[in-house]
C-alpha atoms as a PDB file:
ATOM      1  CA  MET A   1       0.000   0.000   0.000  1.00  0.00           C
ATOM      2  CA  THR A   2       1.516   3.328  -1.011  1.00  0.00           C
ATOM      3  CA  PRO A   3       0.853   6.883   0.189  1.00  0.00           C
ATOM      4  CA  GLY A   4      -0.822   7.811  -3.080  1.00  0.00           C
ATOM      5  CA  ASN A   5      -3.074   4.761  -2.975  1.00  0.00           C
ATOM      6  CA  LEU A   6      -4.525   4.143   0.450  1.00  0.00           C
ATOM      7  CA  GLY A   7      -7.195   1.848  -0.899  1.00  0.00           C
ATOM      8  CA  PRO A   8     -10.770   2.722  -1.834  1.00  0.00           C
ATOM      9  CA  GLU A   9     -12.205   5.500   0.286  1.00  0.00           C
ATOM     10  CA  LYS A  10     -15.456   4.879   2.060  1.00  0.00           C
ATOM     11  CA  VAL A  11     -18.083   7.552   1.689  1.00  0.00           C
ATOM     12  CA  PHE A  12     -19.940   8.050   4.937  1.00  0.00           C
ATOM     13  CA  ASP A  13     -23.200   9.885   5.504  1.00  0.00           C
ATOM     14  CA  LYS A  14     -22.358  13.590   5.400  1.00  0.00           C
ATOM     15  CA  ASN A  15     -24.701  14.163   8.331  1.00  0.00           C
ATOM     16  CA  LEU A  16     -22.736  11.908  10.698  1.00  0.00           C
ATOM     17  CA  PRO A  17     -21.147  13.789  13.619  1.00  0.00           C
ATOM     18  CA  ARG A  18     -17.412  14.334  13.241  1.00  0.00           C
ATOM     19  CA  CYS A  19     -14.518  15.813  15.203  1.00  0.00           C
ATOM     20  CA  LYS A  20     -14.959  19.532  15.765  1.00  0.00           C
ATOM     21  CA  TRP A  21     -11.801  20.390  13.826  1.00  0.00           C
ATOM     22  CA  CYS A  22     -13.091  18.797  10.628  1.00  0.00           C
ATOM     23  CA  ASN A  23     -14.298  21.453   8.169  1.00  0.00           C
ATOM     24  CA  LEU A  24     -17.434  19.896   6.710  1.00  0.00           C
ATOM     25  CA  ASN A  25     -17.325  22.320   3.784  1.00  0.00           C
ATOM     26  CA  ASN A  26     -14.046  20.821   2.568  1.00  0.00           C
ATOM     27  CA  PRO A  27     -14.757  17.407   0.973  1.00  0.00           C
ATOM     28  CA  GLU A  28     -11.055  16.482   0.868  1.00  0.00           C
ATOM     29  CA  TYR A  29     -10.683  17.257   4.571  1.00  0.00           C
ATOM     30  CA  VAL A  30     -13.788  15.208   5.389  1.00  0.00           C
ATOM     31  CA  ALA A  31     -12.460  12.255   3.364  1.00  0.00           C
ATOM     32  CA  TYR A  32      -9.109  12.525   5.189  1.00  0.00           C
ATOM     33  CA  HIS A  33     -10.872  12.563   8.570  1.00  0.00           C
ATOM     34  CA  ASP A  34     -13.117   9.626   7.707  1.00  0.00           C
ATOM     35  CA  ASN A  35     -10.634   7.361   5.933  1.00  0.00           C
ATOM     36  CA  GLU A  36      -7.098   8.145   7.013  1.00  0.00           C
ATOM     37  CA  TRP A  37      -6.579  10.208  10.161  1.00  0.00           C
ATOM     38  CA  GLY A  38      -6.027   8.101  13.253  1.00  0.00           C
ATOM     39  CA  LYS A  39      -6.283   4.755  11.460  1.00  0.00           C
ATOM     40  CA  PHE A  40      -3.445   2.363  12.186  1.00  0.00           C
ATOM     41  CA  SER A  41      -2.968   0.005   9.271  1.00  0.00           C
ATOM     42  CA  GLU A  42      -0.327  -1.421   6.959  1.00  0.00           C
ATOM     43  CA  LYS A  43       0.515   2.057   5.687  1.00  0.00           C
ATOM     44  CA  SER A  44       1.375   3.153   9.236  1.00  0.00           C
ATOM     45  CA  THR A  45       4.517   1.013   9.090  1.00  0.00           C
ATOM     46  CA  ASP A  46       5.475   1.967   5.515  1.00  0.00           C
ATOM     47  CA  ASP A  47       8.588   4.158   5.430  1.00  0.00           C
ATOM     48  CA  LYS A  48       7.471   6.067   2.336  1.00  0.00           C
ATOM     49  CA  TYR A  49       4.160   6.986   3.939  1.00  0.00           C
ATOM     50  CA  LEU A  50       5.831   7.887   7.233  1.00  0.00           C
ATOM     51  CA  PHE A  51       8.348  10.072   5.408  1.00  0.00           C
ATOM     52  CA  GLU A  52       5.547  11.868   3.575  1.00  0.00           C
ATOM     53  CA  MET A  53       3.537  12.483   6.712  1.00  0.00           C
ATOM     54  CA  LEU A  54       6.508  13.598   8.801  1.00  0.00           C
ATOM     55  CA  THR A  55       7.582  16.021   6.068  1.00  0.00           C
ATOM     56  CA  LEU A  56       4.088  17.450   5.694  1.00  0.00           C
ATOM     57  CA  GLU A  57       3.765  17.831   9.448  1.00  0.00           C
ATOM     58  CA  SER A  58       7.040  19.794   9.539  1.00  0.00           C
ATOM     59  CA  PHE A  59       5.568  22.221   6.995  1.00  0.00           C
ATOM     60  CA  GLN A  60       2.484  22.614   9.194  1.00  0.00           C
ATOM     61  CA  ALA A  61       4.445  24.511  11.877  1.00  0.00           C
ATOM     62  CA  GLY A  62       2.671  27.859  12.256  1.00  0.00           C
ATOM     63  CA  LEU A  63      -0.038  26.878   9.768  1.00  0.00           C
ATOM     64  CA  SER A  64      -3.176  24.747   9.820  1.00  0.00           C
ATOM     65  CA  TRP A  65      -3.221  21.084   8.840  1.00  0.00           C
ATOM     66  CA  GLU A  66      -6.104  21.863   6.483  1.00  0.00           C
ATOM     67  CA  CYS A  67      -3.855  24.283   4.618  1.00  0.00           C
ATOM     68  CA  ILE A  68      -1.174  21.604   4.208  1.00  0.00           C
ATOM     69  CA  LEU A  69      -3.684  18.908   3.258  1.00  0.00           C
ATOM     70  CA  ASN A  70      -5.098  21.146   0.525  1.00  0.00           C
ATOM     71  CA  LYS A  71      -1.576  21.289  -0.949  1.00  0.00           C
ATOM     72  CA  ARG A  72      -0.750  17.610  -0.418  1.00  0.00           C
ATOM     73  CA  ASN A  73      -0.887  16.528  -4.039  1.00  0.00           C
ATOM     74  CA  TYR A  74       1.183  19.543  -5.048  1.00  0.00           C
ATOM     75  CA  PHE A  75       3.775  18.602  -2.434  1.00  0.00           C
ATOM     76  CA  ARG A  76       3.827  15.036  -3.773  1.00  0.00           C
ATOM     77  CA  SER A  77       4.500  16.312  -7.265  1.00  0.00           C
ATOM     78  CA  ALA A  78       7.128  18.828  -6.143  1.00  0.00           C
ATOM     79  CA  TYR A  79       8.911  16.269  -3.946  1.00  0.00           C
ATOM     80  CA  ASP A  80       9.054  13.475  -6.536  1.00  0.00           C
ATOM     81  CA  GLY A  81       6.347  11.426  -4.826  1.00  0.00           C
ATOM     82  CA  PHE A  82       8.325  11.691  -1.572  1.00  0.00           C
ATOM     83  CA  ASP A  83      10.962   9.356  -2.951  1.00  0.00           C
ATOM     84  CA  LEU A  84      13.393   9.370  -0.029  1.00  0.00           C
ATOM     85  CA  GLU A  85      16.559   8.857  -2.061  1.00  0.00           C
ATOM     86  CA  LYS A  86      15.648  11.620  -4.495  1.00  0.00           C
ATOM     87  CA  VAL A  87      14.826  14.084  -1.710  1.00  0.00           C
ATOM     88  CA  CYS A  88      18.089  13.239   0.068  1.00  0.00           C
ATOM     89  CA  GLY A  89      19.903  14.211  -3.129  1.00  0.00           C
ATOM     90  CA  TYR A  90      18.283  17.633  -3.533  1.00  0.00           C
ATOM     91  CA  GLY A  91      20.733  20.505  -3.964  1.00  0.00           C
ATOM     92  CA  GLU A  92      20.578  24.264  -4.459  1.00  0.00           C
ATOM     93  CA  GLU A  93      18.995  23.996  -7.916  1.00  0.00           C
ATOM     94  CA  LYS A  94      16.098  21.928  -6.575  1.00  0.00           C
ATOM     95  CA  ILE A  95      15.725  24.242  -3.581  1.00  0.00           C
ATOM     96  CA  ALA A  96      15.369  27.157  -6.015  1.00  0.00           C
ATOM     97  CA  ASP A  97      12.708  25.214  -7.936  1.00  0.00           C
ATOM     98  CA  LEU A  98      10.768  24.533  -4.745  1.00  0.00           C
ATOM     99  CA  LEU A  99      10.989  28.162  -3.658  1.00  0.00           C
ATOM    100  CA  ALA A 100       9.574  29.172  -7.031  1.00  0.00           C
ATOM    101  CA  ASN A 101       6.627  26.758  -6.778  1.00  0.00           C
ATOM    102  CA  PRO A 102       3.525  28.790  -5.772  1.00  0.00           C
ATOM    103  CA  LYS A 103       1.479  25.664  -5.050  1.00  0.00           C
ATOM    104  CA  ILE A 104       3.454  24.566  -1.967  1.00  0.00           C
ATOM    105  CA  VAL A 105       4.612  26.351   1.181  1.00  0.00           C
ATOM    106  CA  ARG A 106       7.547  28.467   0.010  1.00  0.00           C
ATOM    107  CA  ASN A 107       9.450  28.844   3.248  1.00  0.00           C
ATOM    108  CA  ARG A 108      13.209  28.575   2.719  1.00  0.00           C
ATOM    109  CA  LEU A 109      13.938  27.333   6.227  1.00  0.00           C
ATOM    110  CA  LYS A 110      11.273  24.631   6.022  1.00  0.00           C
ATOM    111  CA  ILE A 111      12.320  23.541   2.541  1.00  0.00           C
ATOM    112  CA  LYS A 112      15.989  23.255   3.529  1.00  0.00           C
ATOM    113  CA  ALA A 113      14.976  21.464   6.728  1.00  0.00           C
ATOM    114  CA  SER A 114      12.859  18.993   4.750  1.00  0.00           C
ATOM    115  CA  ILE A 115      15.970  17.919   2.851  1.00  0.00           C
ATOM    116  CA  SER A 116      18.267  17.642   5.865  1.00  0.00           C
ATOM    117  CA  ASN A 117      15.450  15.896   7.756  1.00  0.00           C
ATOM    118  CA  ALA A 118      15.180  13.392   4.886  1.00  0.00           C
ATOM    119  CA  ARG A 119      18.831  12.477   5.280  1.00  0.00           C
ATOM    120  CA  ILE A 120      18.370  11.976   9.010  1.00  0.00           C
ATOM    121  CA  PHE A 121      15.203   9.940   8.354  1.00  0.00           C
ATOM    122  CA  ARG A 122      17.230   7.700   6.030  1.00  0.00           C
ATOM    123  CA  ALA A 123      19.952   7.278   8.657  1.00  0.00           C
ATOM    124  CA  VAL A 124      17.340   6.275  11.254  1.00  0.00           C
ATOM    125  CA  CYS A 125      15.876   3.714   8.838  1.00  0.00           C
ATOM    126  CA  LEU A 126      19.315   2.225   8.256  1.00  0.00           C
ATOM    127  CA  GLU A 127      20.011   2.080  11.987  1.00  0.00           C
ATOM    128  CA  TYR A 128      16.662   0.556  13.037  1.00  0.00           C
ATOM    129  CA  GLY A 129      15.670  -1.338   9.913  1.00  0.00           C
ATOM    130  CA  SER A 130      12.690   0.963   9.369  1.00  0.00           C
ATOM    131  CA  PHE A 131      11.405   4.254  10.730  1.00  0.00           C
ATOM    132  CA  PHE A 132       8.477   2.469  12.333  1.00  0.00           C
ATOM    133  CA  ASN A 133      10.887   0.266  14.302  1.00  0.00           C
ATOM    134  CA  PHE A 134      12.325   3.508  15.654  1.00  0.00           C
ATOM    135  CA  ILE A 135       8.845   4.724  16.633  1.00  0.00           C
ATOM    136  CA  LYS A 136       7.956   1.371  18.175  1.00  0.00           C
ATOM    137  CA  LYS A 137      11.046   1.432  20.387  1.00  0.00           C
ATOM    138  CA  PHE A 138       9.796   4.652  21.984  1.00  0.00           C
ATOM    139  CA  LEU A 139       6.185   3.444  21.995  1.00  0.00           C
ATOM    140  CA  ASP A 140       7.129   0.253  23.870  1.00  0.00           C
ATOM    141  CA  GLU A 141       9.156   2.261  26.398  1.00  0.00           C
ATOM    142  CA  TYR A 142       6.294   4.715  26.889  1.00  0.00           C
ATOM    143  CA  LEU A 143       3.722   1.940  27.353  1.00  0.00           C
ATOM    144  CA  SER A 144       6.106   0.185  29.744  1.00  0.00           C
ATOM    145  CA  ARG A 145       6.447   3.292  31.920  1.00  0.00           C
ATOM    146  CA  THR A 146       2.676   3.853  31.808  1.00  0.00           C
ATOM    147  CA  ALA A 147       1.918   0.231  32.751  1.00  0.00           C
ATOM    148  CA  CYS A 148       4.478   0.337  35.542  1.00  0.00           C
ATOM    149  CA  ALA A 149       2.905   3.518  36.939  1.00  0.00           C
ATOM    150  CA  GLU A 150      -0.595   2.035  36.699  1.00  0.00           C
ATOM    151  CA  SER A 151       0.534  -1.109  38.522  1.00  0.00           C
ATOM    152  CA  GLY A 152       1.793   1.028  41.356  1.00  0.00           C
ATOM    153  CA  GLY A 153       5.278  -0.244  40.730  1.00  0.00           C
ATOM    154  CA  THR A 154       4.365  -3.786  41.745  1.00  0.00           C
ATOM    155  CA  GLU A 155       5.565  -5.256  38.441  1.00  0.00           C
ATOM    156  CA  ASN A 156       9.169  -5.028  37.318  1.00  0.00           C
ATOM    157  CA  ALA A 157       9.594  -2.451  34.534  1.00  0.00           C
ATOM    158  CA  GLU A 158      11.846  -4.783  32.546  1.00  0.00           C
ATOM    159  CA  ASN A 159       9.197  -7.508  32.607  1.00  0.00           C
ATOM    160  CA  ILE A 160       6.557  -5.051  31.393  1.00  0.00           C
ATOM    161  CA  ALA A 161       8.878  -3.816  28.622  1.00  0.00           C
ATOM    162  CA  GLU A 162       9.500  -7.390  27.483  1.00  0.00           C
ATOM    163  CA  LYS A 163       5.771  -8.076  27.325  1.00  0.00           C
ATOM    164  CA  ALA A 164       5.198  -4.883  25.327  1.00  0.00           C
ATOM    165  CA  ALA A 165       7.913  -5.783  22.829  1.00  0.00           C
ATOM    166  CA  LEU A 166       6.391  -9.211  22.248  1.00  0.00           C
ATOM    167  CA  SER A 167       2.809  -8.001  21.976  1.00  0.00           C
ATOM    168  CA  ALA A 168       0.928  -6.624  19.005  1.00  0.00           C
ATOM    169  CA  ILE A 169       1.027  -2.881  18.468  1.00  0.00           C
ATOM    170  CA  LYS A 170      -0.921  -1.110  21.187  1.00  0.00           C
ATOM    171  CA  ILE A 171      -2.628   2.116  20.197  1.00  0.00           C
ATOM    172  CA  ILE A 172      -2.827   5.060  22.585  1.00  0.00           C
ATOM    173  CA  HIS A 173      -6.355   6.412  22.993  1.00  0.00           C
ATOM    174  CA  GLU A 174      -6.539   9.992  24.222  1.00  0.00           C
ATOM    175  CA  THR A 175      -8.168  13.286  23.282  1.00  0.00           C
ATOM    176  CA  GLY A 176      -7.729  16.909  24.248  1.00  0.00           C
ATOM    177  CA  ARG A 177      -3.928  16.867  24.189  1.00  0.00           C
ATOM    178  CA  SER A 178      -1.242  18.280  21.914  1.00  0.00           C
ATOM    179  CA  THR A 179       1.775  16.502  23.431  1.00  0.00           C
ATOM    180  CA  ASN A 180       2.527  13.569  25.725  1.00  0.00           C
ATOM    181  CA  GLY A 181       5.531  11.683  27.026  1.00  0.00           C
ATOM    182  CA  LEU A 182       5.849   9.709  23.803  1.00  0.00           C
ATOM    183  CA  SER A 183       5.933  12.759  21.525  1.00  0.00           C
ATOM    184  CA  ASP A 184       8.322  14.475  23.950  1.00  0.00           C
ATOM    185  CA  ALA A 185      10.764  11.548  23.773  1.00  0.00           C
ATOM    186  CA  ILE A 186      10.623  11.105  19.985  1.00  0.00           C
ATOM    187  CA  SER A 187      10.911  14.853  19.405  1.00  0.00           C
ATOM    188  CA  ALA A 188      13.925  15.107  21.707  1.00  0.00           C
ATOM    189  CA  GLU A 189      15.695  12.253  19.915  1.00  0.00           C
ATOM    190  CA  LEU A 190      14.966  13.569  16.418  1.00  0.00           C
ATOM    191  CA  LYS A 191      16.115  17.071  17.358  1.00  0.00           C
ATOM    192  CA  LYS A 192      19.223  15.583  18.953  1.00  0.00           C
ATOM    193  CA  ARG A 193      19.953  13.962  15.584  1.00  0.00           C
ATOM    194  CA  GLY A 194      19.528  17.333  13.887  1.00  0.00           C
ATOM    195  CA  MET A 195      15.951  17.416  12.609  1.00  0.00           C
ATOM    196  CA  LYS A 196      14.320  20.847  12.392  1.00  0.00           C
ATOM    197  CA  PHE A 197      10.659  21.847  12.822  1.00  0.00           C
ATOM    198  CA  MET A 198      10.212  18.700  14.887  1.00  0.00           C
ATOM    199  CA  GLY A 199       8.872  19.879  18.239  1.00  0.00           C
ATOM    200  CA  SER A 200       6.724  17.698  20.453  1.00  0.00           C
ATOM    201  CA  THR A 201       3.465  19.196  19.126  1.00  0.00           C
ATOM    202  CA  ILE A 202       4.459  18.390  15.516  1.00  0.00           C
ATOM    203  CA  VAL A 203       5.465  14.844  16.490  1.00  0.00           C
ATOM    204  CA  TYR A 204       2.225  14.358  18.435  1.00  0.00           C
ATOM    205  CA  SER A 205       0.217  15.461  15.394  1.00  0.00           C
ATOM    206  CA  PHE A 206       2.233  13.035  13.246  1.00  0.00           C
ATOM    207  CA  LEU A 207       1.507  10.158  15.660  1.00  0.00           C
ATOM    208  CA  GLN A 208      -2.194  11.013  15.575  1.00  0.00           C
ATOM    209  CA  ALA A 209      -2.177  11.123  11.772  1.00  0.00           C
ATOM    210  CA  ILE A 210      -0.590   7.669  11.387  1.00  0.00           C
ATOM    211  CA  GLY A 211      -2.820   6.075  14.009  1.00  0.00           C
ATOM    212  CA  VAL A 212      -0.340   5.440  16.826  1.00  0.00           C
ATOM    213  CA  ILE A 213      -2.438   7.867  18.862  1.00  0.00           C
ATOM    214  CA  PHE A 214      -6.197   7.576  18.278  1.00  0.00           C
ATOM    215  CA  SER A 215      -7.849  10.907  19.034  1.00  0.00           C
ATOM    216  CA  HIS A 216     -11.278  10.974  17.416  1.00  0.00           C
ATOM    217  CA  GLU A 217     -13.371  13.020  19.796  1.00  0.00           C
ATOM    218  CA  GLU A 218     -16.290  11.804  21.857  1.00  0.00           C
ATOM    219  CA  GLY A 219     -19.331  12.550  19.761  1.00  0.00           C
ATOM    220  CA  CYS A 220     -17.531  11.756  16.495  1.00  0.00           C
ATOM    221  CA  PHE A 221     -18.984   8.708  14.748  1.00  0.00           C
ATOM    222  CA  LEU A 222     -15.479   7.181  14.719  1.00  0.00           C
ATOM    223  CA  PHE A 223     -14.938   7.598  18.466  1.00  0.00           C
ATOM    224  CA  GLY A 224     -14.050   4.266  20.022  1.00  0.00           C
ATOM    225  CA  MET A 225     -13.788   2.467  16.672  1.00  0.00           C
ATOM    226  CA  GLU A 226     -10.209   1.284  17.356  1.00  0.00           C
ATOM    227  CA  ARG A 227     -10.871   0.039  20.878  1.00  0.00           C
END
């Protein structure tokens, strides 16, 4: 499954209640909310998809996600379908082309960061086998700490971590937040490696988008669907 082909979209009743942030007058935004946002699936472990989403999230800094989503296909075209190797090879000529493209966000700092971030993303993939393996390392540690705290410290943290590593992916269900301990830890590590525009709020939004954190609001017809 590739980022440009997430499978057939389901068309839900337009009168169904949705998350408050979803602009019902924007059909593309509604389709994204209904079919992609917060859904953990095969694509959530695909490096190409993760690279696309992380890059788009970095461009969101200071803007709305709706603004970025409206430009998504233009970004895909401008960034060679988010081909990681091609983006890693971008130089000054390509940067000039991107800055001249009126259909994407023409912010020099963000564009240059997207290229250096791509190189760091590639290095992480080489180190961990995939970018999702990197995410899962932090997810398992976060769930281990949470489980240990909930047990009142009665279970050994190493035993809990081992169980988490052997178990299927566990999704975090929470609403009303913009950061948590998981996004803090991943953000800190990525910034330590040199990534830019990668604060905890951006990382949290990325984790929500790919379905590691499920945040459909109470009252939304999708609330509780992943439980």
